[in-house]
Amino acid sequence: MADSNTYRAFALFVQGERVLNCTEYTPVDMKIIEDDFKTGAMDTAITLDGGMEKMSASFKVWSTV
């Protein structure tokens, strides 16, 4: 259940306010999109950076309600 990419014992701030009872945070998994590019005069394609995939992070908040 525990992921090696999960942080514990930290302070989380959202829009300048501290989030209380935050128990777990999973950071953004950054992945680069690569595209093959070939023109008519090229013998073989080259790999170009096509940007990044959509990024999202998650966190869990503990509550007694």
PDB file of N, CA and C in Angstrom:
ATOM      1  N   MET A   1       0.818  -1.191   0.000  1.00  0.00           N
ATOM      2  CA  MET A   1       0.000   0.000   0.000  1.00  0.00           C
ATOM      3  C   MET A   1       0.865   1.259   0.000  1.00  0.00           C
ATOM      4  N   ALA A   2       2.002   1.227   0.657  1.00  0.00           N
ATOM      5  CA  ALA A   2       2.872   2.399   0.699  1.00  0.00           C
ATOM      6  C   ALA A   2       3.652   2.506  -0.607  1.00  0.00           C
ATOM      7  N   ASP A   3       3.590   3.666  -1.207  1.00  0.00           N
ATOM      8  CA  ASP A   3       4.300   3.921  -2.456  1.00  0.00           C
ATOM      9  C   ASP A   3       5.623   4.608  -2.129  1.00  0.00           C
ATOM     10  N   SER A   4       6.672   4.277  -2.854  1.00  0.00           N
ATOM     11  CA  SER A   4       7.974   4.888  -2.595  1.00  0.00           C
ATOM     12  C   SER A   4       8.000   6.356  -3.004  1.00  0.00           C
ATOM     13  N   ASN A   5       6.987   6.814  -3.737  1.00  0.00           N
ATOM     14  CA  ASN A   5       6.918   8.193  -4.198  1.00  0.00           C
ATOM     15  C   ASN A   5       5.882   8.983  -3.395  1.00  0.00           C
ATOM     16  N   THR A   6       5.635   8.598  -2.140  1.00  0.00           N
ATOM     17  CA  THR A   6       4.661   9.258  -1.283  1.00  0.00           C
ATOM     18  C   THR A   6       5.390   9.884  -0.099  1.00  0.00           C
ATOM     19  N   TYR A   7       5.084  11.148   0.206  1.00  0.00           N
ATOM     20  CA  TYR A   7       5.730  11.864   1.295  1.00  0.00           C
ATOM     21  C   TYR A   7       4.868  11.801   2.550  1.00  0.00           C
ATOM     22  N   ARG A   8       5.520  11.763   3.705  1.00  0.00           N
ATOM     23  CA  ARG A   8       4.829  11.791   4.992  1.00  0.00           C
ATOM     24  C   ARG A   8       5.551  12.778   5.921  1.00  0.00           C
ATOM     25  N   ALA A   9       4.854  13.265   6.955  1.00  0.00           N
ATOM     26  CA  ALA A   9       5.403  14.198   7.941  1.00  0.00           C
ATOM     27  C   ALA A   9       5.853  15.494   7.270  1.00  0.00           C
ATOM     28  N   PHE A  10       4.911  16.294   6.812  1.00  0.00           N
ATOM     29  CA  PHE A  10       5.192  17.517   6.072  1.00  0.00           C
ATOM     30  C   PHE A  10       4.069  18.522   6.333  1.00  0.00           C
ATOM     31  N   ALA A  11       4.217  19.731   5.828  1.00  0.00           N
ATOM     32  CA  ALA A  11       3.174  20.754   5.890  1.00  0.00           C
ATOM     33  C   ALA A  11       2.722  21.052   4.466  1.00  0.00           C
ATOM     34  N   LEU A  12       1.409  21.059   4.240  1.00  0.00           N
ATOM     35  CA  LEU A  12       0.856  21.325   2.914  1.00  0.00           C
ATOM     36  C   LEU A  12       0.154  22.678   2.933  1.00  0.00           C
ATOM     37  N   PHE A  13       0.499  23.534   1.978  1.00  0.00           N
ATOM     38  CA  PHE A  13      -0.122  24.846   1.854  1.00  0.00           C
ATOM     39  C   PHE A  13      -0.846  24.925   0.521  1.00  0.00           C
ATOM     40  N   VAL A  14      -2.118  25.366   0.547  1.00  0.00           N
ATOM     41  CA  VAL A  14      -2.923  25.543  -0.657  1.00  0.00           C
ATOM     42  C   VAL A  14      -3.396  26.988  -0.672  1.00  0.00           C
ATOM     43  N   GLN A  15      -3.018  27.739  -1.681  1.00  0.00           N
ATOM     44  CA  GLN A  15      -3.353  29.153  -1.842  1.00  0.00           C
ATOM     45  C   GLN A  15      -2.989  29.957  -0.595  1.00  0.00           C
ATOM     46  N   GLY A  16      -1.823  29.677  -0.026  1.00  0.00           N
ATOM     47  CA  GLY A  16      -1.316  30.424   1.112  1.00  0.00           C
ATOM     48  C   GLY A  16      -1.845  29.990   2.464  1.00  0.00           C
ATOM     49  N   GLU A  17      -2.746  29.019   2.524  1.00  0.00           N
ATOM     50  CA  GLU A  17      -3.310  28.546   3.785  1.00  0.00           C
ATOM     51  C   GLU A  17      -2.799  27.140   4.080  1.00  0.00           C
ATOM     52  N   ARG A  18      -2.474  26.885   5.356  1.00  0.00           N
ATOM     53  CA  ARG A  18      -1.994  25.553   5.741  1.00  0.00           C
ATOM     54  C   ARG A  18      -3.176  24.592   5.831  1.00  0.00           C
ATOM     55  N   VAL A  19      -3.028  23.417   5.236  1.00  0.00           N
ATOM     56  CA  VAL A  19      -4.058  22.379   5.286  1.00  0.00           C
ATOM     57  C   VAL A  19      -3.753  21.494   6.490  1.00  0.00           C
ATOM     58  N   LEU A  20      -4.680  21.468   7.451  1.00  0.00           N
ATOM     59  CA  LEU A  20      -4.487  20.674   8.655  1.00  0.00           C
ATOM     60  C   LEU A  20      -4.881  19.225   8.409  1.00  0.00           C
ATOM     61  N   ASN A  21      -4.296  18.327   9.177  1.00  0.00           N
ATOM     62  CA  ASN A  21      -4.594  16.890   9.140  1.00  0.00           C
ATOM     63  C   ASN A  21      -4.318  16.248   7.787  1.00  0.00           C
ATOM     64  N   CYS A  22      -3.373  16.769   7.060  1.00  0.00           N
ATOM     65  CA  CYS A  22      -2.989  16.154   5.796  1.00  0.00           C
ATOM     66  C   CYS A  22      -2.075  14.977   6.122  1.00  0.00           C
ATOM     67  N   THR A  23      -2.432  13.786   5.647  1.00  0.00           N
ATOM     68  CA  THR A  23      -1.690  12.584   6.027  1.00  0.00           C
ATOM     69  C   THR A  23      -0.808  12.032   4.924  1.00  0.00           C
ATOM     70  N   GLU A  24      -1.091  12.355   3.676  1.00  0.00           N
ATOM     71  CA  GLU A  24      -0.338  11.757   2.580  1.00  0.00           C
ATOM     72  C   GLU A  24      -0.368  12.671   1.361  1.00  0.00           C
ATOM     73  N   TYR A  25       0.754  12.762   0.650  1.00  0.00           N
ATOM     74  CA  TYR A  25       0.860  13.582  -0.560  1.00  0.00           C
ATOM     75  C   TYR A  25       1.607  12.792  -1.622  1.00  0.00           C
ATOM     76  N   THR A  26       1.045  12.726  -2.814  1.00  0.00           N
ATOM     77  CA  THR A  26       1.698  12.068  -3.938  1.00  0.00           C
ATOM     78  C   THR A  26       2.012  13.131  -4.986  1.00  0.00           C
ATOM     79  N   PRO A  27       3.291  13.370  -5.290  1.00  0.00           N
ATOM     80  CA  PRO A  27       3.666  14.447  -6.202  1.00  0.00           C
ATOM     81  C   PRO A  27       3.368  14.121  -7.660  1.00  0.00           C
ATOM     82  N   VAL A  28       3.596  15.092  -8.488  1.00  0.00           N
ATOM     83  CA  VAL A  28       3.379  14.965  -9.926  1.00  0.00           C
ATOM     84  C   VAL A  28       4.350  13.939 -10.504  1.00  0.00           C
ATOM     85  N   ASP A  29       3.849  13.065 -11.364  1.00  0.00           N
ATOM     86  CA  ASP A  29       4.692  12.118 -12.089  1.00  0.00           C
ATOM     87  C   ASP A  29       4.951  12.731 -13.461  1.00  0.00           C
ATOM     88  N   MET A  30       6.148  13.291 -13.644  1.00  0.00           N
ATOM     89  CA  MET A  30       6.451  14.037 -14.863  1.00  0.00           C
ATOM     90  C   MET A  30       6.920  13.098 -15.967  1.00  0.00           C
ATOM     91  N   LYS A  31       6.206  13.120 -17.093  1.00  0.00           N
ATOM     92  CA  LYS A  31       6.554  12.284 -18.238  1.00  0.00           C
ATOM     93  C   LYS A  31       6.620  13.149 -19.488  1.00  0.00           C
ATOM     94  N   ILE A  32       7.677  12.964 -20.262  1.00  0.00           N
ATOM     95  CA  ILE A  32       7.872  13.720 -21.496  1.00  0.00           C
ATOM     96  C   ILE A  32       7.306  12.933 -22.668  1.00  0.00           C
ATOM     97  N   ILE A  33       6.587  13.618 -23.535  1.00  0.00           N
ATOM     98  CA  ILE A  33       6.056  13.012 -24.751  1.00  0.00           C
ATOM     99  C   ILE A  33       7.107  13.161 -25.840  1.00  0.00           C
ATOM    100  N   GLU A  34       7.446  12.062 -26.490  1.00  0.00           N
ATOM    101  CA  GLU A  34       8.432  12.098 -27.569  1.00  0.00           C
ATOM    102  C   GLU A  34       7.752  11.755 -28.887  1.00  0.00           C
ATOM    103  N   ASP A  35       8.066  12.517 -29.924  1.00  0.00           N
ATOM    104  CA  ASP A  35       7.502  12.306 -31.254  1.00  0.00           C
ATOM    105  C   ASP A  35       8.628  12.020 -32.239  1.00  0.00           C
ATOM    106  N   ASP A  36       8.353  11.152 -33.195  1.00  0.00           N
ATOM    107  CA  ASP A  36       9.308  10.906 -34.281  1.00  0.00           C
ATOM    108  C   ASP A  36       9.048  11.904 -35.399  1.00  0.00           C
ATOM    109  N   PHE A  37      10.121  12.495 -35.936  1.00  0.00           N
ATOM    110  CA  PHE A  37      10.011  13.512 -36.972  1.00  0.00           C
ATOM    111  C   PHE A  37      10.873  13.104 -38.155  1.00  0.00           C
ATOM    112  N   LYS A  38      10.279  13.140 -39.341  1.00  0.00           N
ATOM    113  CA  LYS A  38      11.019  12.788 -40.550  1.00  0.00           C
ATOM    114  C   LYS A  38      10.488  13.618 -41.711  1.00  0.00           C
ATOM    115  N   THR A  39      11.410  14.263 -42.426  1.00  0.00           N
ATOM    116  CA  THR A  39      11.041  14.995 -43.635  1.00  0.00           C
ATOM    117  C   THR A  39      11.378  14.138 -44.849  1.00  0.00           C
ATOM    118  N   GLY A  40      11.039  14.608 -46.013  1.00  0.00           N
ATOM    119  CA  GLY A  40      11.283  13.841 -47.229  1.00  0.00           C
ATOM    120  C   GLY A  40      12.750  13.616 -47.534  1.00  0.00           C
ATOM    121  N   ALA A  41      13.630  14.517 -47.091  1.00  0.00           N
ATOM    122  CA  ALA A  41      15.053  14.400 -47.402  1.00  0.00           C
ATOM    123  C   ALA A  41      15.830  13.604 -46.351  1.00  0.00           C
ATOM    124  N   MET A  42      15.161  13.147 -45.295  1.00  0.00           N
ATOM    125  CA  MET A  42      15.855  12.424 -44.224  1.00  0.00           C
ATOM    126  C   MET A  42      15.781  10.920 -44.460  1.00  0.00           C
ATOM    127  N   ASP A  43      16.873  10.220 -44.165  1.00  0.00           N
ATOM    128  CA  ASP A  43      16.897   8.764 -44.300  1.00  0.00           C
ATOM    129  C   ASP A  43      16.155   8.076 -43.155  1.00  0.00           C
ATOM    130  N   THR A  44      16.273   8.624 -41.959  1.00  0.00           N
ATOM    131  CA  THR A  44      15.628   8.022 -40.792  1.00  0.00           C
ATOM    132  C   THR A  44      15.025   9.118 -39.922  1.00  0.00           C
ATOM    133  N   ALA A  45      14.056   8.751 -39.121  1.00  0.00           N
ATOM    134  CA  ALA A  45      13.383   9.722 -38.255  1.00  0.00           C
ATOM    135  C   ALA A  45      14.245  10.040 -37.038  1.00  0.00           C
ATOM    136  N   ILE A  46      14.066  11.248 -36.502  1.00  0.00           N
ATOM    137  CA  ILE A  46      14.717  11.634 -35.254  1.00  0.00           C
ATOM    138  C   ILE A  46      13.635  11.836 -34.202  1.00  0.00           C
ATOM    139  N   THR A  47      14.004  11.696 -32.951  1.00  0.00           N
ATOM    140  CA  THR A  47      13.061  11.860 -31.853  1.00  0.00           C
ATOM    141  C   THR A  47      13.120  13.294 -31.348  1.00  0.00           C
ATOM    142  N   LEU A  48      11.952  13.931 -31.255  1.00  0.00           N
ATOM    143  CA  LEU A  48      11.850  15.296 -30.745  1.00  0.00           C
ATOM    144  C   LEU A  48      10.992  15.314 -29.493  1.00  0.00           C
ATOM    145  N   ASP A  49      11.255  16.289 -28.642  1.00  0.00           N
ATOM    146  CA  ASP A  49      10.459  16.496 -27.438  1.00  0.00           C
ATOM    147  C   ASP A  49       9.116  17.087 -27.841  1.00  0.00           C
ATOM    148  N   GLY A  50       8.025  16.401 -27.514  1.00  0.00           N
ATOM    149  CA  GLY A  50       6.691  16.867 -27.872  1.00  0.00           C
ATOM    150  C   GLY A  50       5.962  17.533 -26.726  1.00  0.00           C
ATOM    151  N   GLY A  51       6.663  17.840 -25.638  1.00  0.00           N
ATOM    152  CA  GLY A  51       6.027  18.468 -24.484  1.00  0.00           C
ATOM    153  C   GLY A  51       5.891  17.481 -23.338  1.00  0.00           C
ATOM    154  N   MET A  52       4.966  17.769 -22.436  1.00  0.00           N
ATOM    155  CA  MET A  52       4.764  16.916 -21.266  1.00  0.00           C
ATOM    156  C   MET A  52       3.317  16.478 -21.181  1.00  0.00           C
ATOM    157  N   GLU A  53       3.107  15.332 -20.520  1.00  0.00           N
ATOM    158  CA  GLU A  53       1.750  14.866 -20.278  1.00  0.00           C
ATOM    159  C   GLU A  53       1.098  15.751 -19.218  1.00  0.00           C
ATOM    160  N   LYS A  54      -0.219  15.658 -19.120  1.00  0.00           N
ATOM    161  CA  LYS A  54      -0.962  16.419 -18.125  1.00  0.00           C
ATOM    162  C   LYS A  54      -0.460  16.058 -16.726  1.00  0.00           C
ATOM    163  N   MET A  55      -0.245  17.084 -15.882  1.00  0.00           N
ATOM    164  CA  MET A  55       0.291  16.861 -14.547  1.00  0.00           C
ATOM    165  C   MET A  55      -0.801  16.995 -13.499  1.00  0.00           C
ATOM    166  N   SER A  56      -0.778  16.114 -12.511  1.00  0.00           N
ATOM    167  CA  SER A  56      -1.702  16.220 -11.385  1.00  0.00           C
ATOM    168  C   SER A  56      -1.059  15.593 -10.156  1.00  0.00           C
ATOM    169  N   ALA A  57      -1.328  16.179  -9.007  1.00  0.00           N
ATOM    170  CA  ALA A  57      -0.839  15.667  -7.731  1.00  0.00           C
ATOM    171  C   ALA A  57      -2.052  15.358  -6.863  1.00  0.00           C
ATOM    172  N   SER A  58      -1.853  14.558  -5.825  1.00  0.00           N
ATOM    173  CA  SER A  58      -2.976  14.235  -4.942  1.00  0.00           C
ATOM    174  C   SER A  58      -2.514  14.273  -3.493  1.00  0.00           C
ATOM    175  N   PHE A  59      -3.467  14.518  -2.591  1.00  0.00           N
ATOM    176  CA  PHE A  59      -3.176  14.473  -1.169  1.00  0.00           C
ATOM    177  C   PHE A  59      -4.405  13.974  -0.429  1.00  0.00           C
ATOM    178  N   LYS A  60      -4.176  13.353   0.735  1.00  0.00           N
ATOM    179  CA  LYS A  60      -5.261  12.832   1.567  1.00  0.00           C
ATOM    180  C   LYS A  60      -5.319  13.646   2.840  1.00  0.00           C
ATOM    181  N   VAL A  61      -6.540  13.967   3.260  1.00  0.00           N
ATOM    182  CA  VAL A  61      -6.760  14.751   4.468  1.00  0.00           C
ATOM    183  C   VAL A  61      -7.570  13.905   5.442  1.00  0.00           C
ATOM    184  N   TRP A  62      -7.133  13.846   6.691  1.00  0.00           N
ATOM    185  CA  TRP A  62      -7.802  13.076   7.725  1.00  0.00           C
ATOM    186  C   TRP A  62      -8.874  13.929   8.387  1.00  0.00           C
ATOM    187  N   SER A  63     -10.036  13.343   8.667  1.00  0.00           N
ATOM    188  CA  SER A  63     -11.126  14.082   9.303  1.00  0.00           C
ATOM    189  C   SER A  63     -11.900  13.162  10.234  1.00  0.00           C
ATOM    190  N   THR A  64     -12.530  13.734  11.267  1.00  0.00           N
ATOM    191  CA  THR A  64     -13.338  12.949  12.204  1.00  0.00           C
ATOM    192  C   THR A  64     -14.824  13.081  11.924  1.00  0.00           C
ATOM    193  N   VAL A  65     -15.201  13.858  10.944  1.00  0.00           N
ATOM    194  CA  VAL A  65     -16.623  14.094  10.651  1.00  0.00           C
ATOM    195  C   VAL A  65     -17.207  12.944   9.894  1.00  0.00           C
TER     196      VAL A  65
END
